N, C-alpha and C. Protein backbone atom coordinates (compact mmCIF):
# COMPACT_ATOMS: atom_id res chain seq x y z
N MET A 1 -76.20 -3.63 15.41
CA MET A 1 -74.78 -3.81 15.36
C MET A 1 -74.29 -4.15 16.76
N ILE A 2 -73.25 -4.97 16.85
CA ILE A 2 -72.65 -5.32 18.13
C ILE A 2 -71.13 -5.31 18.00
N ASN A 3 -70.46 -5.19 19.14
CA ASN A 3 -69.02 -5.39 19.23
C ASN A 3 -68.80 -6.68 20.00
N LEU A 4 -67.93 -7.53 19.51
CA LEU A 4 -67.60 -8.77 20.20
C LEU A 4 -66.43 -8.51 21.14
N ILE A 5 -66.59 -8.94 22.39
CA ILE A 5 -65.57 -8.69 23.40
C ILE A 5 -65.35 -9.91 24.28
N MET A 6 -64.25 -9.89 25.00
CA MET A 6 -63.99 -10.81 26.09
C MET A 6 -64.03 -9.96 27.34
N LYS A 7 -64.85 -10.36 28.34
CA LYS A 7 -65.06 -9.54 29.54
C LYS A 7 -64.90 -10.40 30.78
N ASN A 8 -64.34 -9.80 31.85
CA ASN A 8 -64.22 -10.53 33.12
C ASN A 8 -65.18 -9.96 34.15
N GLU A 9 -65.18 -10.55 35.34
CA GLU A 9 -66.12 -10.14 36.40
C GLU A 9 -65.86 -8.73 36.90
N LYS A 10 -64.65 -8.21 36.71
CA LYS A 10 -64.31 -6.85 37.14
C LYS A 10 -64.82 -5.79 36.15
N GLY A 11 -65.35 -6.25 35.01
CA GLY A 11 -65.80 -5.32 33.99
C GLY A 11 -64.74 -4.96 32.98
N GLU A 12 -63.55 -5.51 33.15
CA GLU A 12 -62.49 -5.28 32.17
C GLU A 12 -62.82 -6.06 30.91
N PHE A 13 -62.44 -5.51 29.76
CA PHE A 13 -62.76 -6.20 28.51
C PHE A 13 -61.66 -6.02 27.47
N ARG A 14 -61.66 -6.94 26.54
CA ARG A 14 -60.76 -6.92 25.38
C ARG A 14 -61.65 -7.02 24.15
N THR A 15 -61.48 -6.11 23.22
CA THR A 15 -62.28 -6.12 22.01
C THR A 15 -61.75 -7.16 21.03
N ILE A 16 -62.65 -7.97 20.50
CA ILE A 16 -62.31 -8.95 19.48
C ILE A 16 -62.50 -8.34 18.10
N ILE A 17 -63.72 -7.84 17.84
CA ILE A 17 -64.04 -7.21 16.56
C ILE A 17 -65.21 -6.26 16.77
N THR A 18 -65.17 -5.14 16.07
CA THR A 18 -66.22 -4.13 16.20
C THR A 18 -67.13 -4.14 14.98
N ASN A 19 -68.29 -3.53 15.15
CA ASN A 19 -69.24 -3.29 14.06
C ASN A 19 -69.73 -4.58 13.39
N VAL A 20 -70.07 -5.57 14.17
CA VAL A 20 -70.59 -6.83 13.63
C VAL A 20 -72.08 -6.65 13.34
N THR A 21 -72.47 -7.01 12.13
CA THR A 21 -73.87 -6.88 11.71
C THR A 21 -74.35 -8.19 11.12
N ASP A 22 -75.58 -8.19 10.66
CA ASP A 22 -76.09 -9.36 9.94
C ASP A 22 -76.01 -9.16 8.43
N ILE A 23 -75.32 -8.12 8.00
CA ILE A 23 -75.10 -7.88 6.58
C ILE A 23 -74.13 -8.93 6.07
N ASN A 24 -74.48 -9.59 4.97
CA ASN A 24 -73.62 -10.69 4.50
C ASN A 24 -73.15 -10.51 3.05
N ILE A 25 -73.01 -9.28 2.59
CA ILE A 25 -72.55 -9.05 1.22
C ILE A 25 -71.03 -8.99 1.11
N ALA A 26 -70.35 -8.98 2.26
CA ALA A 26 -68.89 -8.96 2.31
C ALA A 26 -68.47 -9.53 3.66
N SER A 27 -67.18 -9.63 3.89
CA SER A 27 -66.69 -10.14 5.18
C SER A 27 -67.06 -9.16 6.29
N GLN A 28 -67.17 -9.68 7.51
CA GLN A 28 -67.48 -8.81 8.64
C GLN A 28 -66.40 -7.75 8.84
N GLU A 29 -65.15 -8.10 8.56
CA GLU A 29 -64.06 -7.14 8.69
C GLU A 29 -64.24 -5.98 7.72
N LEU A 30 -64.59 -6.29 6.47
CA LEU A 30 -64.79 -5.24 5.46
C LEU A 30 -66.02 -4.39 5.80
N ILE A 31 -67.08 -5.01 6.26
CA ILE A 31 -68.27 -4.26 6.64
C ILE A 31 -67.96 -3.34 7.81
N GLY A 32 -67.21 -3.84 8.79
CA GLY A 32 -66.82 -3.01 9.94
C GLY A 32 -66.01 -1.80 9.53
N VAL A 33 -65.06 -2.00 8.63
CA VAL A 33 -64.23 -0.90 8.13
C VAL A 33 -65.10 0.09 7.35
N SER A 34 -66.05 -0.42 6.59
CA SER A 34 -66.95 0.45 5.83
C SER A 34 -67.79 1.32 6.77
N ILE A 35 -68.30 0.74 7.84
CA ILE A 35 -69.07 1.51 8.82
C ILE A 35 -68.18 2.57 9.46
N ASP A 36 -66.95 2.21 9.82
CA ASP A 36 -66.01 3.19 10.36
C ASP A 36 -65.80 4.34 9.38
N ASN A 37 -65.62 4.01 8.11
CA ASN A 37 -65.38 5.03 7.09
C ASN A 37 -66.59 5.94 6.92
N LEU A 38 -67.79 5.37 6.85
CA LEU A 38 -69.01 6.18 6.72
C LEU A 38 -69.20 7.08 7.94
N THR A 39 -68.78 6.61 9.10
CA THR A 39 -68.85 7.41 10.32
C THR A 39 -67.86 8.57 10.25
N LYS A 40 -66.63 8.29 9.80
CA LYS A 40 -65.62 9.34 9.68
C LYS A 40 -66.03 10.40 8.66
N GLN A 41 -66.79 10.00 7.66
CA GLN A 41 -67.27 10.94 6.64
C GLN A 41 -68.54 11.66 7.09
N SER A 42 -69.00 11.38 8.29
CA SER A 42 -70.21 11.97 8.90
C SER A 42 -71.49 11.61 8.14
N LEU A 43 -71.48 10.47 7.45
CA LEU A 43 -72.69 10.00 6.78
C LEU A 43 -73.52 9.13 7.73
N LEU A 44 -72.86 8.54 8.72
CA LEU A 44 -73.51 7.77 9.79
C LEU A 44 -72.93 8.23 11.12
N SER A 45 -73.66 7.96 12.19
CA SER A 45 -73.09 8.16 13.52
C SER A 45 -73.33 6.89 14.33
N VAL A 46 -72.35 6.56 15.15
CA VAL A 46 -72.42 5.41 16.04
C VAL A 46 -72.14 5.93 17.44
N PRO A 47 -73.19 6.28 18.19
CA PRO A 47 -72.98 6.83 19.53
C PRO A 47 -72.23 5.83 20.41
N ALA A 48 -71.27 6.34 21.17
CA ALA A 48 -70.44 5.47 22.02
C ALA A 48 -71.27 4.66 23.01
N ASP A 49 -72.32 5.26 23.53
CA ASP A 49 -73.13 4.56 24.54
C ASP A 49 -74.54 4.27 24.05
N GLY A 50 -74.77 4.37 22.77
CA GLY A 50 -76.11 4.15 22.23
C GLY A 50 -76.38 2.70 21.89
N PHE A 51 -77.60 2.25 22.18
CA PHE A 51 -78.03 0.91 21.81
C PHE A 51 -79.54 0.89 21.81
N TYR A 52 -80.11 -0.13 21.17
CA TYR A 52 -81.56 -0.29 21.12
C TYR A 52 -82.01 -1.08 22.35
N SER A 53 -83.05 -0.60 23.02
CA SER A 53 -83.52 -1.29 24.22
C SER A 53 -84.28 -2.56 23.89
N ASN A 54 -84.80 -2.66 22.67
CA ASN A 54 -85.49 -3.87 22.24
C ASN A 54 -84.46 -4.94 21.87
N GLU A 55 -84.28 -5.93 22.72
CA GLU A 55 -83.29 -6.99 22.52
C GLU A 55 -83.48 -7.73 21.19
N LYS A 56 -84.70 -7.81 20.71
CA LYS A 56 -84.99 -8.58 19.49
C LYS A 56 -84.30 -7.99 18.27
N VAL A 57 -83.94 -6.73 18.33
CA VAL A 57 -83.23 -6.08 17.23
C VAL A 57 -81.92 -6.81 16.94
N TYR A 58 -81.31 -7.37 17.97
CA TYR A 58 -80.00 -8.01 17.84
C TYR A 58 -80.08 -9.50 17.51
N ASP A 59 -81.26 -10.08 17.54
CA ASP A 59 -81.41 -11.53 17.32
C ASP A 59 -80.84 -11.99 15.98
N SER A 60 -81.06 -11.22 14.93
CA SER A 60 -80.58 -11.66 13.61
C SER A 60 -79.05 -11.72 13.56
N ILE A 61 -78.39 -10.86 14.30
CA ILE A 61 -76.92 -10.90 14.36
C ILE A 61 -76.46 -12.11 15.17
N LEU A 62 -77.13 -12.36 16.28
CA LEU A 62 -76.74 -13.46 17.17
C LEU A 62 -77.00 -14.83 16.55
N GLN A 63 -77.72 -14.87 15.45
CA GLN A 63 -78.00 -16.13 14.77
C GLN A 63 -77.11 -16.34 13.54
N THR A 64 -76.20 -15.41 13.26
CA THR A 64 -75.34 -15.55 12.09
C THR A 64 -74.26 -16.60 12.33
N GLU A 65 -73.80 -17.17 11.27
CA GLU A 65 -72.71 -18.15 11.33
C GLU A 65 -71.45 -17.49 11.89
N PHE A 66 -71.20 -16.23 11.48
CA PHE A 66 -70.01 -15.52 11.95
C PHE A 66 -70.01 -15.40 13.47
N TYR A 67 -71.13 -14.95 14.04
CA TYR A 67 -71.23 -14.79 15.49
C TYR A 67 -71.01 -16.12 16.20
N ASN A 68 -71.69 -17.16 15.74
CA ASN A 68 -71.57 -18.47 16.38
C ASN A 68 -70.16 -19.04 16.26
N ASN A 69 -69.48 -18.81 15.13
CA ASN A 69 -68.09 -19.24 14.99
C ASN A 69 -67.21 -18.51 15.99
N GLN A 70 -67.40 -17.21 16.12
CA GLN A 70 -66.60 -16.43 17.07
C GLN A 70 -66.85 -16.88 18.51
N LYS A 71 -68.09 -17.19 18.80
CA LYS A 71 -68.44 -17.66 20.15
C LYS A 71 -67.74 -18.98 20.45
N ASN A 72 -67.66 -19.86 19.46
CA ASN A 72 -66.99 -21.15 19.64
C ASN A 72 -65.47 -21.01 19.73
N ILE A 73 -64.93 -20.09 18.97
CA ILE A 73 -63.47 -19.88 18.94
C ILE A 73 -62.97 -19.24 20.22
N ASN A 74 -63.72 -18.30 20.74
CA ASN A 74 -63.29 -17.49 21.89
C ASN A 74 -63.87 -18.03 23.18
N CYS A 75 -63.24 -19.08 23.66
CA CYS A 75 -63.68 -19.73 24.90
C CYS A 75 -63.18 -18.93 26.11
N LYS A 76 -63.71 -19.29 27.27
CA LYS A 76 -63.29 -18.64 28.52
C LYS A 76 -61.79 -18.83 28.70
N THR A 77 -61.12 -17.76 29.10
CA THR A 77 -59.66 -17.81 29.27
C THR A 77 -59.30 -18.15 30.71
N GLY A 78 -58.07 -18.51 30.90
CA GLY A 78 -57.59 -18.86 32.23
C GLY A 78 -57.63 -17.70 33.21
N ASP A 79 -57.60 -16.47 32.69
CA ASP A 79 -57.64 -15.31 33.58
C ASP A 79 -59.05 -14.74 33.75
N GLY A 80 -60.07 -15.56 33.42
CA GLY A 80 -61.45 -15.21 33.73
C GLY A 80 -62.21 -14.40 32.70
N PHE A 81 -61.66 -14.23 31.52
CA PHE A 81 -62.37 -13.49 30.48
C PHE A 81 -63.30 -14.43 29.71
N GLU A 82 -64.55 -13.98 29.50
CA GLU A 82 -65.55 -14.77 28.78
C GLU A 82 -66.07 -13.99 27.59
N PHE A 83 -66.46 -14.71 26.56
CA PHE A 83 -67.01 -14.14 25.33
C PHE A 83 -68.38 -13.51 25.60
N THR A 84 -68.56 -12.31 25.11
CA THR A 84 -69.86 -11.64 25.16
C THR A 84 -69.87 -10.55 24.10
N TYR A 85 -70.83 -9.68 24.15
CA TYR A 85 -70.92 -8.60 23.17
C TYR A 85 -71.51 -7.35 23.82
N THR A 86 -71.25 -6.23 23.19
CA THR A 86 -71.90 -4.98 23.58
C THR A 86 -72.81 -4.56 22.44
N LYS A 87 -73.97 -4.08 22.80
CA LYS A 87 -74.96 -3.63 21.81
C LYS A 87 -74.59 -2.24 21.32
N LYS A 88 -74.78 -2.01 20.04
CA LYS A 88 -74.51 -0.72 19.43
C LYS A 88 -75.71 -0.31 18.58
N MET A 89 -75.64 0.89 18.05
CA MET A 89 -76.68 1.35 17.13
C MET A 89 -76.05 2.24 16.07
N ILE A 90 -76.72 2.33 14.94
CA ILE A 90 -76.28 3.17 13.84
C ILE A 90 -77.38 4.21 13.59
N ASN A 91 -76.97 5.46 13.48
CA ASN A 91 -77.91 6.54 13.16
C ASN A 91 -77.52 7.17 11.84
N LYS A 92 -78.50 7.56 11.06
CA LYS A 92 -78.23 8.35 9.86
C LYS A 92 -78.02 9.80 10.29
N THR A 93 -77.07 10.45 9.69
CA THR A 93 -76.87 11.88 9.94
C THR A 93 -77.65 12.68 8.89
N ASN A 94 -77.78 13.97 9.13
CA ASN A 94 -78.42 14.82 8.12
C ASN A 94 -77.65 14.79 6.81
N LEU A 95 -76.31 14.84 6.91
CA LEU A 95 -75.48 14.75 5.71
C LEU A 95 -75.68 13.41 5.02
N GLY A 96 -75.79 12.34 5.79
CA GLY A 96 -76.01 11.02 5.22
C GLY A 96 -77.34 10.92 4.48
N ARG A 97 -78.38 11.50 5.05
CA ARG A 97 -79.69 11.50 4.39
C ARG A 97 -79.63 12.27 3.08
N LEU A 98 -78.98 13.45 3.10
CA LEU A 98 -78.87 14.26 1.90
C LEU A 98 -78.01 13.56 0.85
N PHE A 99 -76.91 12.97 1.27
CA PHE A 99 -76.05 12.22 0.35
C PHE A 99 -76.84 11.11 -0.34
N TYR A 100 -77.62 10.37 0.43
CA TYR A 100 -78.43 9.30 -0.13
C TYR A 100 -79.42 9.85 -1.15
N LYS A 101 -80.09 10.92 -0.78
CA LYS A 101 -81.11 11.51 -1.67
C LYS A 101 -80.49 11.99 -2.98
N VAL A 102 -79.35 12.63 -2.89
CA VAL A 102 -78.73 13.22 -4.08
C VAL A 102 -77.96 12.20 -4.90
N CYS A 103 -77.22 11.31 -4.25
CA CYS A 103 -76.28 10.45 -4.96
C CYS A 103 -76.75 9.01 -5.18
N VAL A 104 -77.69 8.53 -4.39
CA VAL A 104 -78.05 7.13 -4.46
C VAL A 104 -79.49 6.93 -4.94
N ALA A 105 -80.43 7.65 -4.36
CA ALA A 105 -81.85 7.42 -4.64
C ALA A 105 -82.20 7.62 -6.10
N GLU A 106 -81.48 8.47 -6.78
CA GLU A 106 -81.78 8.75 -8.19
C GLU A 106 -81.31 7.66 -9.13
N LEU A 107 -80.49 6.74 -8.65
CA LEU A 107 -79.94 5.68 -9.53
C LEU A 107 -80.95 4.65 -9.85
């Protein structure tokens, strides 16, 4: 998972969209809201500073049509902000594992 941002040389940033994945069963906005909801329900956790050190994990997201469209739309601004992303990660919680086992796996 990644967050799309505009960032300048001072490290200041503006968030474009959060929780971007390579999941394509719904719009990125709906998927992002779903991840937020699952996090609020403690079924998933998204550590604020957590990310995978293996860059290849993010390749499938960076190759999506959505990512490339956003990259083309969000050009460098006059005040020095450029399109980039921050790496994120999703963890299953104990409650999330139990919920899956009880409510989903049996279906």
